Amino acid sequence: MTPKQKTGVSGLEKSLEELEILVERLENEELPLAEALKEFERGVKITRECQTALKEAEQTVEILLKKTVDADPEAFEPDDD
C-alpha cells in the first residue's frame, strides 16, 4: 500500500489480508531489528486505515437505520481527509 492510497470500505478485506501476512511474517521470520520495526510501523498504518474504513461503514449503517420509509434517499459522501 502506498502512503497516498486510502483503504476505504471496499479495500478493507485486502488490507486485513495484508495485515495478516505481515503479522505472520513478524512472528515467524528472523528479521533484522530495523526491518522488523519498519514492518511493524507499516502494520500500525494499515490498522489505522482499517479502523477509519470501519468507522465510515458504521456511519453509513447508522444513516441507513435512521431513515424512515417516507424519507428520500440521500447520497453518502465520506469525508476526504
C-alpha atoms as a PDB file:
ATOM      1  CA  MET A   1       0.000   0.000   0.000  1.00  0.00           C
ATOM      2  CA  THR A   2       1.304   3.405  -0.877  1.00  0.00           C
ATOM      3  CA  PRO A   3       1.037   6.345   1.549  1.00  0.00           C
ATOM      4  CA  LYS A   4      -1.439   8.126  -0.747  1.00  0.00           C
ATOM      5  CA  GLN A   5      -3.705   5.094  -1.097  1.00  0.00           C
ATOM      6  CA  LYS A   6      -6.865   5.139   1.035  1.00  0.00           C
ATOM      7  CA  THR A   7      -8.279   1.898   2.343  1.00  0.00           C
ATOM      8  CA  GLY A   8     -11.976   2.737   2.201  1.00  0.00           C
ATOM      9  CA  VAL A   9     -14.656   0.177   2.847  1.00  0.00           C
ATOM     10  CA  SER A  10     -14.026  -1.644  -0.437  1.00  0.00           C
ATOM     11  CA  GLY A  11     -10.326  -2.179   0.271  1.00  0.00           C
ATOM     12  CA  LEU A  12     -10.819  -3.313   3.853  1.00  0.00           C
ATOM     13  CA  GLU A  13     -10.674  -7.035   3.134  1.00  0.00           C
ATOM     14  CA  LYS A  14      -7.471  -6.682   1.126  1.00  0.00           C
ATOM     15  CA  SER A  15      -5.905  -4.590   3.886  1.00  0.00           C
ATOM     16  CA  LEU A  16      -6.847  -7.163   6.520  1.00  0.00           C
ATOM     17  CA  GLU A  17      -5.247  -9.925   4.431  1.00  0.00           C
ATOM     18  CA  GLU A  18      -2.107  -7.817   4.048  1.00  0.00           C
ATOM     19  CA  LEU A  19      -2.050  -7.228   7.789  1.00  0.00           C
ATOM     20  CA  GLU A  20      -2.392 -10.968   8.474  1.00  0.00           C
ATOM     21  CA  ILE A  21       0.562 -11.722   6.206  1.00  0.00           C
ATOM     22  CA  LEU A  22       2.614  -9.002   7.865  1.00  0.00           C
ATOM     23  CA  VAL A  23       1.873 -10.321  11.375  1.00  0.00           C
ATOM     24  CA  GLU A  24       2.726 -13.866  10.326  1.00  0.00           C
ATOM     25  CA  ARG A  25       5.999 -12.654   8.851  1.00  0.00           C
ATOM     26  CA  LEU A  26       6.893 -10.784  12.030  1.00  0.00           C
ATOM     27  CA  GLU A  27       6.064 -13.797  14.175  1.00  0.00           C
ATOM     28  CA  ASN A  28       7.759 -16.484  12.086  1.00  0.00           C
ATOM     29  CA  GLU A  29      10.793 -14.900  10.443  1.00  0.00           C
ATOM     30  CA  GLU A  30      14.092 -13.835  11.909  1.00  0.00           C
ATOM     31  CA  LEU A  31      14.086 -10.250  10.683  1.00  0.00           C
ATOM     32  CA  PRO A  32      16.779  -7.720  11.494  1.00  0.00           C
ATOM     33  CA  LEU A  33      15.553  -5.205  14.061  1.00  0.00           C
ATOM     34  CA  ALA A  34      15.439  -2.303  11.594  1.00  0.00           C
ATOM     35  CA  GLU A  35      13.342  -4.313   9.134  1.00  0.00           C
ATOM     36  CA  ALA A  36      11.054  -5.622  11.880  1.00  0.00           C
ATOM     37  CA  LEU A  37      10.430  -2.054  13.100  1.00  0.00           C
ATOM     38  CA  LYS A  38       9.700  -0.921   9.551  1.00  0.00           C
ATOM     39  CA  GLU A  39       7.181  -3.757   9.105  1.00  0.00           C
ATOM     40  CA  PHE A  40       5.617  -3.022  12.494  1.00  0.00           C
ATOM     41  CA  GLU A  41       5.196   0.631  11.531  1.00  0.00           C
ATOM     42  CA  ARG A  42       3.544  -0.452   8.274  1.00  0.00           C
ATOM     43  CA  GLY A  43       1.204  -2.699  10.263  1.00  0.00           C
ATOM     44  CA  VAL A  44       0.189   0.159  12.536  1.00  0.00           C
ATOM     45  CA  LYS A  45      -0.562   2.311   9.475  1.00  0.00           C
ATOM     46  CA  ILE A  46      -2.701  -0.421   7.899  1.00  0.00           C
ATOM     47  CA  THR A  47      -4.537  -0.938  11.197  1.00  0.00           C
ATOM     48  CA  ARG A  48      -5.379   2.754  11.418  1.00  0.00           C
ATOM     49  CA  GLU A  49      -6.635   2.774   7.823  1.00  0.00           C
ATOM     50  CA  CYS A  50      -8.831  -0.245   8.602  1.00  0.00           C
ATOM     51  CA  GLN A  51     -10.234   1.483  11.676  1.00  0.00           C
ATOM     52  CA  THR A  52     -11.123   4.504   9.553  1.00  0.00           C
ATOM     53  CA  ALA A  53     -12.839   2.313   6.947  1.00  0.00           C
ATOM     54  CA  LEU A  54     -14.809   0.506   9.642  1.00  0.00           C
ATOM     55  CA  LYS A  55     -15.888   3.819  11.151  1.00  0.00           C
ATOM     56  CA  GLU A  56     -17.104   5.007   7.731  1.00  0.00           C
ATOM     57  CA  ALA A  57     -19.073   1.784   7.294  1.00  0.00           C
ATOM     58  CA  GLU A  58     -20.577   2.146  10.760  1.00  0.00           C
ATOM     59  CA  GLN A  59     -21.643   5.713   9.996  1.00  0.00           C
ATOM     60  CA  THR A  60     -23.264   4.573   6.758  1.00  0.00           C
ATOM     61  CA  VAL A  61     -25.214   1.890   8.612  1.00  0.00           C
ATOM     62  CA  GLU A  62     -26.324   4.429  11.227  1.00  0.00           C
ATOM     63  CA  ILE A  63     -27.532   6.786   8.495  1.00  0.00           C
ATOM     64  CA  LEU A  64     -29.456   3.982   6.808  1.00  0.00           C
ATOM     65  CA  LEU A  65     -31.052   2.834  10.058  1.00  0.00           C
ATOM     66  CA  LYS A  66     -32.235   6.355  10.902  1.00  0.00           C
ATOM     67  CA  LYS A  67     -34.133   6.682   7.631  1.00  0.00           C
ATOM     68  CA  THR A  68     -37.864   6.181   7.682  1.00  0.00           C
ATOM     69  CA  VAL A  69     -39.968   4.588   4.986  1.00  0.00           C
ATOM     70  CA  ASP A  70     -41.083   8.057   3.828  1.00  0.00           C
ATOM     71  CA  ALA A  71     -37.600   9.610   3.703  1.00  0.00           C
ATOM     72  CA  ASP A  72     -35.977  10.484   0.392  1.00  0.00           C
ATOM     73  CA  PRO A  73     -32.690   8.687  -0.323  1.00  0.00           C
ATOM     74  CA  GLU A  74     -29.535  10.737   0.128  1.00  0.00           C
ATOM     75  CA  ALA A  75     -26.083  10.046  -1.297  1.00  0.00           C
ATOM     76  CA  PHE A  76     -23.409   9.280   1.286  1.00  0.00           C
ATOM     77  CA  GLU A  77     -20.282  11.368   0.806  1.00  0.00           C
ATOM     78  CA  PRO A  78     -17.408  10.303   3.111  1.00  0.00           C
ATOM     79  CA  ASP A  79     -15.064  12.986   4.364  1.00  0.00           C
ATOM     80  CA  ASP A  80     -11.847  13.287   2.357  1.00  0.00           C
ATOM     81  CA  ASP A  81      -9.132  13.596   4.993  1.00  0.00           C
END
